[in-house]
Amino acid sequence: MAAPADPVVLRTRQSSLGTRGARAAGALLAVFAAGACNVSDRREVELGRYNADQIERQLPLVTDSVVGDYVQALGERLASRTSRANLEWHFSVIDSKDVNAFALPGGFVYVNRGLIERSDRMDELAGALGHEIGHVVRRHSVQQLKRVGGTKVGLALVCVFTNFCDSRTARVAIDVGGAAWLSHHSRAAEAEADSEAIANVVRAGISPEGIPELFETLLATRSEQPGRVEAFFASHPLEEDRIDATQRIIDGMDTLVVRDLERDDAEFQAVKQRLASLPPSTR
């Protein structure tokens, strides 16, 4: 496939898009969709940055520096040891009580406040971040874009993060292609991201045991409070066989190595206390 023409570079942190901006955005998305098979890192980052801007205009971020700095540092600890360490990785916390996480092309990773609050230990949060990093490393998000084409991806991702799309207005705002973006990664892609997550945390000196344990917690929560994890299960298919698969990988590792890996730290527990002291999420 021939390389697509250079897309229009869309600058970030601008005011809401006007007609011209929306047209340029659609053109950029179409260019990426047409050439997703050979998208360069620079173009992938441009796409991720554009959609990150859409998301951050629609959803509140946790701006507390203690929380933000910790999640950024933990994410960088994992991402810096991957094959895409050259990306400028961004890790942000969405102020939503729903349990979820998502990755945009180019190294933009979001985790909901609810997932941090639901995690008991640092290795559980690290496993969730490692999984989303795995989607970026394997370029699953770019593959999704190829499937969707030029659509309202930013708004669609807002729906992925929270139950915002329960409102009729939001559902109407998303076109058919945007709804397609909401469909979860394939089971094969989720399995690949799980394998990447295990490798990512181990390389960073963190125990992989938190990965299946967080899955177990989420399955239990689905029975007790299904509304809190509905968005997660909509975008991350999770059944007992997936938990078994990750556990089998871990069981095949050197027990002595796994035993000595880090499971928790005082900073993570301080972050949880900090979140508990902040005003509750409104979404």
Protein backbone atom coordinates (compact mmCIF):
# COMPACT_ATOMS: atom_id res chain seq x y z
CA MET A 1 0.00 0.00 0.00
CA ALA A 2 1.32 3.40 -0.94
CA ALA A 3 2.13 5.76 1.93
CA PRO A 4 -0.67 8.31 2.49
CA ALA A 5 -0.06 12.02 2.15
CA ASP A 6 0.98 13.90 5.26
CA PRO A 7 -2.13 14.72 7.33
CA VAL A 8 -2.99 18.17 8.54
CA VAL A 9 -1.31 18.69 11.91
CA LEU A 10 -4.03 19.55 14.39
CA ARG A 11 -2.88 21.68 17.27
CA THR A 12 -4.00 20.76 20.77
CA ARG A 13 -5.77 22.66 23.56
CA GLN A 14 -7.73 24.82 21.15
CA SER A 15 -11.28 26.05 21.52
CA SER A 16 -14.12 23.85 20.24
CA LEU A 17 -13.86 22.89 16.60
CA GLY A 18 -15.70 25.02 14.08
CA THR A 19 -16.85 23.82 10.68
CA ARG A 20 -13.37 24.12 9.19
CA GLY A 21 -11.77 22.30 12.14
CA ALA A 22 -14.31 19.50 12.01
CA ARG A 23 -13.66 19.07 8.27
CA ALA A 24 -9.91 18.92 8.87
CA ALA A 25 -10.39 16.43 11.68
CA GLY A 26 -12.47 14.18 9.48
CA ALA A 27 -9.82 14.37 6.77
CA LEU A 28 -7.11 13.43 9.24
CA LEU A 29 -9.07 10.43 10.49
CA ALA A 30 -9.82 9.31 6.94
CA VAL A 31 -6.15 9.52 6.01
CA PHE A 32 -5.21 7.37 8.96
CA ALA A 33 -7.95 4.88 8.24
CA ALA A 34 -6.83 4.52 4.64
CA GLY A 35 -3.20 3.98 5.56
CA ALA A 36 -3.45 2.29 8.95
CA CYS A 37 -1.35 -0.60 7.71
CA ASN A 38 1.74 1.61 7.50
CA VAL A 39 1.04 4.55 9.82
CA SER A 40 4.26 6.14 11.08
CA ASP A 41 4.81 6.83 14.76
CA ARG A 42 4.50 10.57 14.12
CA ARG A 43 1.15 10.22 12.40
CA GLU A 44 -0.12 7.83 15.05
CA VAL A 45 0.79 10.35 17.77
CA GLU A 46 -1.04 13.13 15.90
CA LEU A 47 -4.16 10.99 15.79
CA GLY A 48 -3.91 10.10 19.48
CA ARG A 49 -3.33 13.73 20.47
CA TYR A 50 -6.35 14.94 18.49
CA ASN A 51 -8.67 12.40 20.11
CA ALA A 52 -7.15 13.05 23.54
CA ASP A 53 -8.17 16.69 23.12
CA GLN A 54 -11.74 15.64 22.37
CA ILE A 55 -11.88 13.42 25.42
CA GLU A 56 -10.43 15.99 27.78
CA ARG A 57 -12.97 18.58 26.62
CA GLN A 58 -15.80 16.17 27.41
CA LEU A 59 -14.67 14.50 30.63
CA PRO A 60 -13.17 15.82 33.88
CA LEU A 61 -9.65 14.81 34.78
CA VAL A 62 -8.31 14.29 38.28
CA THR A 63 -5.92 17.23 38.46
CA ASP A 64 -4.49 16.46 41.90
CA SER A 65 -0.71 16.34 41.45
CA VAL A 66 -0.14 13.51 43.93
CA VAL A 67 -2.49 11.23 42.01
CA GLY A 68 -1.46 12.37 38.54
CA ASP A 69 2.28 12.24 39.16
CA TYR A 70 2.07 8.74 40.64
CA VAL A 71 0.07 7.30 37.74
CA GLN A 72 2.36 8.99 35.19
CA ALA A 73 5.47 7.65 36.94
CA LEU A 74 4.07 4.13 37.20
CA GLY A 75 3.00 4.18 33.56
CA GLU A 76 6.40 5.42 32.41
CA ARG A 77 8.10 2.75 34.51
CA LEU A 78 6.23 0.14 32.48
CA ALA A 79 6.24 1.79 29.05
CA SER A 80 9.95 2.68 29.12
CA ARG A 81 10.82 -1.01 28.99
CA THR A 82 8.71 -1.85 25.93
CA SER A 83 9.59 -1.92 22.25
CA ARG A 84 7.85 1.49 21.90
CA ALA A 85 9.75 3.28 24.64
CA ASN A 86 10.49 6.05 22.13
CA LEU A 87 6.90 7.34 22.34
CA GLU A 88 6.12 10.28 24.61
CA TRP A 89 3.73 8.42 26.87
CA HIS A 90 0.88 10.25 28.64
CA PHE A 91 -1.06 8.74 31.53
CA SER A 92 -4.13 10.54 32.84
CA VAL A 93 -6.86 9.83 35.39
CA ILE A 94 -10.51 10.40 34.46
CA ASP A 95 -12.62 11.57 37.40
CA SER A 96 -15.24 8.85 37.00
CA LYS A 97 -16.38 6.25 39.51
CA ASP A 98 -16.86 3.72 36.71
CA VAL A 99 -14.14 1.07 36.51
CA ASN A 100 -12.35 1.30 33.16
CA ALA A 101 -9.16 2.13 31.28
CA PHE A 102 -8.45 2.85 27.63
CA ALA A 103 -5.54 3.56 25.31
CA LEU A 104 -5.42 5.84 22.28
CA PRO A 105 -2.93 5.42 19.45
CA GLY A 106 0.46 6.99 20.08
CA GLY A 107 0.79 6.41 23.82
CA PHE A 108 -2.16 8.24 25.39
CA VAL A 109 -3.48 6.08 28.22
CA TYR A 110 -6.43 6.85 30.48
CA VAL A 111 -7.50 5.12 33.67
CA ASN A 112 -10.70 5.89 35.52
CA ARG A 113 -10.54 6.92 39.15
CA GLY A 114 -12.93 4.04 39.88
CA LEU A 115 -10.38 1.47 38.74
CA ILE A 116 -7.73 2.87 41.08
CA GLU A 117 -10.21 2.88 43.94
CA ARG A 118 -11.19 -0.71 43.18
CA SER A 119 -7.54 -1.88 43.08
CA ASP A 120 -6.24 -3.19 46.41
CA ARG A 121 -2.54 -3.04 45.56
CA MET A 122 -0.11 -1.36 43.21
CA ASP A 123 0.45 -4.52 41.13
CA GLU A 124 -3.25 -4.53 40.19
CA LEU A 125 -3.13 -0.97 38.86
CA ALA A 126 0.20 -1.74 37.16
CA GLY A 127 -1.39 -4.74 35.45
CA ALA A 128 -4.24 -2.59 34.11
CA LEU A 129 -1.80 0.04 32.80
CA GLY A 130 0.42 -2.69 31.38
CA HIS A 131 -2.56 -4.10 29.50
CA GLU A 132 -3.41 -0.74 27.90
CA ILE A 133 0.25 -0.18 27.07
CA GLY A 134 0.13 -3.58 25.39
CA HIS A 135 -2.68 -2.39 23.10
CA VAL A 136 -0.49 0.53 22.00
CA VAL A 137 2.60 -1.65 21.55
CA ARG A 138 0.61 -4.09 19.41
CA ARG A 139 -1.07 -1.16 17.57
CA HIS A 140 -4.55 -2.49 18.25
CA SER A 141 -5.98 1.05 18.47
CA VAL A 142 -4.68 1.87 15.00
CA GLN A 143 -6.31 -1.30 13.71
CA GLN A 144 -9.61 -0.20 15.26
CA LEU A 145 -9.29 3.13 13.48
CA LYS A 146 -8.82 1.35 10.15
CA ARG A 147 -12.08 -0.48 10.81
CA VAL A 148 -13.99 2.66 11.80
CA GLY A 149 -12.71 5.34 9.42
CA GLY A 150 -13.47 9.05 9.84
CA THR A 151 -15.95 9.16 12.74
CA LYS A 152 -16.73 10.89 15.99
CA VAL A 153 -14.14 8.78 17.78
CA GLY A 154 -13.56 11.21 20.64
CA LEU A 155 -17.19 11.22 21.68
CA ALA A 156 -17.36 7.46 21.26
CA LEU A 157 -14.45 7.08 23.66
CA VAL A 158 -16.24 9.30 26.18
CA CYS A 159 -18.96 6.67 26.13
CA VAL A 160 -16.41 3.91 26.64
CA PHE A 161 -15.12 5.56 29.81
CA THR A 162 -18.42 6.20 31.57
CA ASN A 163 -22.17 5.70 31.36
CA PHE A 164 -22.49 9.13 29.72
CA CYS A 165 -24.00 7.49 26.66
CA ASP A 166 -27.00 6.33 28.64
CA SER A 167 -28.42 9.71 27.65
CA ARG A 168 -30.42 9.81 24.42
CA THR A 169 -28.63 12.95 23.28
CA ALA A 170 -25.24 11.25 23.45
CA ARG A 171 -26.45 8.17 21.60
CA VAL A 172 -27.83 10.29 18.80
CA ALA A 173 -24.54 12.24 18.59
CA ILE A 174 -22.57 9.12 17.73
CA ASP A 175 -22.77 7.97 14.14
CA VAL A 176 -22.67 4.35 13.07
CA GLY A 177 -18.89 4.34 12.68
CA GLY A 178 -18.43 5.89 16.12
CA ALA A 179 -20.58 3.15 17.61
CA ALA A 180 -18.35 0.60 15.93
CA TRP A 181 -15.35 2.07 17.76
CA LEU A 182 -17.18 1.30 21.01
CA SER A 183 -17.05 -2.39 20.24
CA HIS A 184 -14.40 -4.09 22.30
CA HIS A 185 -11.09 -5.39 21.06
CA SER A 186 -11.23 -8.90 19.71
CA ARG A 187 -10.54 -11.75 22.10
CA ALA A 188 -7.26 -12.33 20.28
CA ALA A 189 -6.25 -8.69 20.84
CA GLU A 190 -7.23 -8.87 24.52
CA ALA A 191 -5.16 -12.05 24.93
CA GLU A 192 -2.17 -10.34 23.28
CA ALA A 193 -2.55 -7.31 25.56
CA ASP A 194 -2.75 -9.62 28.60
CA SER A 195 0.50 -11.30 27.56
CA GLU A 196 2.09 -7.90 27.03
CA ALA A 197 0.85 -6.79 30.46
CA ILE A 198 2.55 -9.73 32.16
CA ALA A 199 5.81 -9.04 30.33
CA ASN A 200 5.55 -5.30 31.00
CA VAL A 201 5.14 -5.58 34.76
CA VAL A 202 7.80 -8.28 35.16
CA ARG A 203 10.35 -6.21 33.23
CA ALA A 204 9.57 -3.34 35.61
CA GLY A 205 10.13 -5.53 38.68
CA ILE A 206 6.43 -5.74 39.54
CA SER A 207 4.51 -8.93 40.28
CA PRO A 208 2.14 -10.15 37.53
CA GLU A 209 -0.14 -11.72 40.15
CA GLY A 210 -2.13 -8.50 40.32
CA ILE A 211 -3.46 -9.06 36.79
CA PRO A 212 -5.65 -12.15 37.38
CA GLU A 213 -6.46 -10.91 40.88
CA LEU A 214 -7.88 -7.64 39.54
CA PHE A 215 -9.87 -9.65 36.99
CA GLU A 216 -11.31 -11.72 39.83
CA THR A 217 -12.27 -8.54 41.70
CA LEU A 218 -14.02 -7.14 38.62
CA LEU A 219 -15.98 -10.35 38.05
CA ALA A 220 -17.12 -10.27 41.67
CA THR A 221 -18.07 -6.61 41.31
CA ARG A 222 -20.14 -7.42 38.21
CA SER A 223 -22.31 -9.65 40.41
CA GLU A 224 -22.57 -7.14 43.26
CA GLN A 225 -22.58 -3.74 41.51
CA PRO A 226 -22.91 -4.34 37.76
CA GLY A 227 -23.37 -0.66 36.97
CA ARG A 228 -19.88 0.22 38.20
CA VAL A 229 -18.12 -2.15 35.79
CA GLU A 230 -20.55 -2.15 32.87
CA ALA A 231 -18.32 0.09 30.74
CA PHE A 232 -15.27 -2.09 31.44
CA PHE A 233 -16.96 -5.29 30.32
CA ALA A 234 -18.39 -3.54 27.25
CA SER A 235 -14.88 -2.69 26.04
CA HIS A 236 -12.87 -5.55 27.60
CA PRO A 237 -14.43 -9.00 27.19
CA LEU A 238 -13.58 -10.86 30.38
CA GLU A 239 -14.54 -14.38 31.36
CA GLU A 240 -13.07 -17.03 33.62
CA ASP A 241 -11.07 -18.57 30.76
CA ARG A 242 -9.16 -15.31 30.30
CA ILE A 243 -8.26 -15.31 33.98
CA ASP A 244 -7.13 -18.92 33.67
CA ALA A 245 -5.01 -18.05 30.65
CA THR A 246 -3.11 -15.30 32.46
CA GLN A 247 -2.66 -17.50 35.50
CA ARG A 248 -1.21 -20.30 33.37
CA ILE A 249 1.39 -17.90 31.95
CA ILE A 250 2.34 -16.81 35.46
CA ASP A 251 2.43 -20.40 36.75
CA GLY A 252 4.92 -21.22 33.99
CA MET A 253 7.36 -18.58 35.26
CA ASP A 254 10.17 -19.17 37.74
CA THR A 255 8.47 -19.20 41.15
CA LEU A 256 11.51 -17.74 42.87
CA VAL A 257 11.56 -14.80 40.46
CA VAL A 258 7.85 -14.04 40.78
CA ARG A 259 7.99 -14.32 44.57
CA ASP A 260 10.55 -11.51 44.84
CA LEU A 261 8.74 -9.05 42.56
CA GLU A 262 7.09 -5.95 44.02
CA ARG A 263 3.39 -6.21 44.86
CA ASP A 264 2.59 -2.93 46.59
CA ASP A 265 4.15 0.31 47.77
CA ALA A 266 3.36 3.03 50.28
CA GLU A 267 2.91 5.59 47.51
CA PHE A 268 0.02 3.64 45.97
CA GLN A 269 -1.78 3.42 49.29
CA ALA A 270 -1.18 7.15 49.79
CA VAL A 271 -2.76 7.78 46.37
CA LYS A 272 -5.84 5.80 47.39
CA GLN A 273 -6.12 7.84 50.56
CA ARG A 274 -5.69 11.01 48.54
CA LEU A 275 -8.50 10.01 46.20
CA ALA A 276 -10.73 9.27 49.19
CA SER A 277 -10.10 12.82 50.45
CA LEU A 278 -11.13 14.45 47.16
CA PRO A 279 -14.72 15.39 46.29
CA PRO A 280 -16.57 12.32 44.98
CA SER A 281 -16.84 11.72 41.26
CA THR A 282 -19.99 13.12 39.71
CA ARG A 283 -19.99 10.73 36.74
